[in-house]
C-alpha atoms as a PDB file:
ATOM      1  CA  UNK A   1     120.307 111.396 101.746  1.00  0.00           C
ATOM      2  CA  UNK A   2     118.255 111.429  98.551  1.00  0.00           C
ATOM      3  CA  UNK A   3     114.568 111.641  99.537  1.00  0.00           C
ATOM      4  CA  UNK A   4     113.594 110.397  96.059  1.00  0.00           C
ATOM      5  CA  UNK A   5     115.819 107.331  95.813  1.00  0.00           C
ATOM      6  CA  UNK A   6     113.170 104.591  96.090  1.00  0.00           C
ATOM      7  CA  UNK A   7     110.044 104.833  93.958  1.00  0.00           C
ATOM      8  CA  UNK A   8     106.861 102.840  94.424  1.00  0.00           C
ATOM      9  CA  UNK A   9     104.245 102.739  91.656  1.00  0.00           C
ATOM     10  CA  UNK A  10     100.771 101.207  91.633  1.00  0.00           C
ATOM     11  CA  UNK A  11      99.134 100.693  88.251  1.00  0.00           C
ATOM     12  CA  UNK A  12      95.808  99.118  87.323  1.00  0.00           C
ATOM     13  CA  UNK A  13      94.929  98.266  83.765  1.00  0.00           C
ATOM     14  CA  UNK A  14      98.274  99.715  82.717  1.00  0.00           C
ATOM     15  CA  UNK A  15      97.367 103.160  84.090  1.00  0.00           C
ATOM     16  CA  UNK A  16      99.105 104.802  87.063  1.00  0.00           C
ATOM     17  CA  UNK A  17      96.925 104.953  90.158  1.00  0.00           C
ATOM     18  CA  UNK A  18      99.349 106.272  92.775  1.00  0.00           C
ATOM     19  CA  UNK A  19     103.041 106.510  93.545  1.00  0.00           C
ATOM     20  CA  UNK A  20     105.418 107.578  96.272  1.00  0.00           C
ATOM     21  CA  UNK A  21     109.087 108.287  96.915  1.00  0.00           C
ATOM     22  CA  UNK A  22     111.230 107.394  99.935  1.00  0.00           C
ATOM     23  CA  UNK A  23     114.815 108.031 100.899  1.00  0.00           C
ATOM     24  CA  UNK A  24     115.343 104.868 102.946  1.00  0.00           C
ATOM     25  CA  UNK A  25     115.086 101.346 101.565  1.00  0.00           C
ATOM     26  CA  UNK A  26     113.501  99.768 104.692  1.00  0.00           C
ATOM     27  CA  UNK A  27     110.719 102.365 104.592  1.00  0.00           C
ATOM     28  CA  UNK A  28     110.136 101.797 100.872  1.00  0.00           C
ATOM     29  CA  UNK A  29     110.067  98.016 101.352  1.00  0.00           C
ATOM     30  CA  UNK A  30     107.577  98.370 104.211  1.00  0.00           C
ATOM     31  CA  UNK A  31     105.348 100.534 102.020  1.00  0.00           C
ATOM     32  CA  UNK A  32     105.652  98.029  99.153  1.00  0.00           C
ATOM     33  CA  UNK A  33     104.309  95.229 101.365  1.00  0.00           C
ATOM     34  CA  UNK A  34     101.649  97.521 102.801  1.00  0.00           C
ATOM     35  CA  UNK A  35     100.453  98.467  99.312  1.00  0.00           C
ATOM     36  CA  UNK A  36     100.186  94.802  98.341  1.00  0.00           C
ATOM     37  CA  UNK A  37      97.945  94.240 101.360  1.00  0.00           C
ATOM     38  CA  UNK A  38      95.888  97.366 100.758  1.00  0.00           C
ATOM     39  CA  UNK A  39      95.638  97.510  96.980  1.00  0.00           C
ATOM     40  CA  UNK A  40      96.543  94.035  95.743  1.00  0.00           C
ATOM     41  CA  UNK A  41      92.904  93.038  95.320  1.00  0.00           C
ATOM     42  CA  UNK A  42      92.314  95.666  92.608  1.00  0.00           C
ATOM     43  CA  UNK A  43      91.750  93.960  89.264  1.00  0.00           C
ATOM     44  CA  UNK A  44      94.975  93.982  87.198  1.00  0.00           C
ATOM     45  CA  UNK A  45      96.910  95.751  89.953  1.00  0.00           C
ATOM     46  CA  UNK A  46     100.690  95.885  89.583  1.00  0.00           C
ATOM     47  CA  UNK A  47     103.033  97.283  92.225  1.00  0.00           C
ATOM     48  CA  UNK A  48     106.659  97.995  91.402  1.00  0.00           C
ATOM     49  CA  UNK A  49     109.465  99.171  93.684  1.00  0.00           C
ATOM     50  CA  UNK A  50     112.481 100.705  91.949  1.00  0.00           C
ATOM     51  CA  UNK A  51     115.713 102.322  93.059  1.00  0.00           C
ATOM     52  CA  UNK A  52     116.972 105.431  91.320  1.00  0.00           C
ATOM     53  CA  UNK A  53     120.701 105.508  90.564  1.00  0.00           C
ATOM     54  CA  UNK A  54     123.004 107.646  88.451  1.00  0.00           C
ATOM     55  CA  UNK A  55     122.538 105.283  85.505  1.00  0.00           C
ATOM     56  CA  UNK A  56     118.713 105.063  85.713  1.00  0.00           C
ATOM     57  CA  UNK A  57     116.278 102.993  87.753  1.00  0.00           C
ATOM     58  CA  UNK A  58     116.411  99.313  88.593  1.00  0.00           C
ATOM     59  CA  UNK A  59     113.511  97.161  89.738  1.00  0.00           C
ATOM     60  CA  UNK A  60     113.911  95.846  93.274  1.00  0.00           C
ATOM     61  CA  UNK A  61     110.541  94.089  93.533  1.00  0.00           C
ATOM     62  CA  UNK A  62     107.290  93.749  91.624  1.00  0.00           C
ATOM     63  CA  UNK A  63     103.930  92.265  92.458  1.00  0.00           C
ATOM     64  CA  UNK A  64     102.507  90.015  91.294  1.00  0.00           C
ATOM     65  CA  UNK A  65     105.834  88.270  90.826  1.00  0.00           C
ATOM     66  CA  UNK A  66     104.919  86.996  87.365  1.00  0.00           C
ATOM     67  CA  UNK A  67     104.661  90.565  86.018  1.00  0.00           C
END
């Protein structure tokens, strides 16, 4: 298992605030929703969940959805 397969990034004002890596998708998705609840009220917050693959990273989810 790749412990750094799923990456979660919180930015505010275009600057990184915090990030984390998980090996299991359900754990990463749980953290994504948790971060929205915990940090979503920060002005200009953006939370992005990506999956690392051999050919790069792909976005699985982003909040707010319009970003």
